C-alpha cells in the first residue's frame, strides 16, 4: 500500500492544540473559501457529504466540521452504487451495438435480395429478347448443308 493511502486510512480528524486550533481552522477556512464553488461541491461528493442548500460559507463550515471528526454519513455503499451505474451504462451500450448490428444485417440482406431480384429480372429480359429475335429460315441456300 502506498504511503498516501496509508495516511488517508489513518486519518481520524484534525488534532489541533487548543491554542493553535482556532488559528489553524481559520487558515483552512480561508483557503477553502478561495476555491470555486464547483470544487467545493466535488469535495463534498468525495467526502460523501450532502450538499444541501446554503451559501459557500456554510458548505465550507460543513466540510471543516466533518474533517474535525470524520464519520460515516450515509448507509449507502457508494462503491456498489457506482458499480451499478457503470453496469447499466455497459448494458445500454451493448443493446445499442446489438441494435445497430441487427440493422446492418437487415440492410445487407435487403441489398442482397435487391441484387438477386435485379439479376433475375435481367435474365428474364434476356430470355424475352432471345425469344423475340426471328429465327433464320432454313430456306436460305447458304445455310444448306451438303450431305454426300
Foldseek 3Di string as FASTA:
>chain_A
DDPVVVVVVPQFADDDDPVCVVVVLVVQLVVQVVDDVVVLVVVCVVLVHDPDDDDSSVSSVVSNVCRRGPDDDDPDDVVVVVVVVVVVVVVVVVVVVVVVVVVVVVVVVVVVVVVVVVVVVVVVVVVVVVVPDDDDDPPDPVNDDDDD
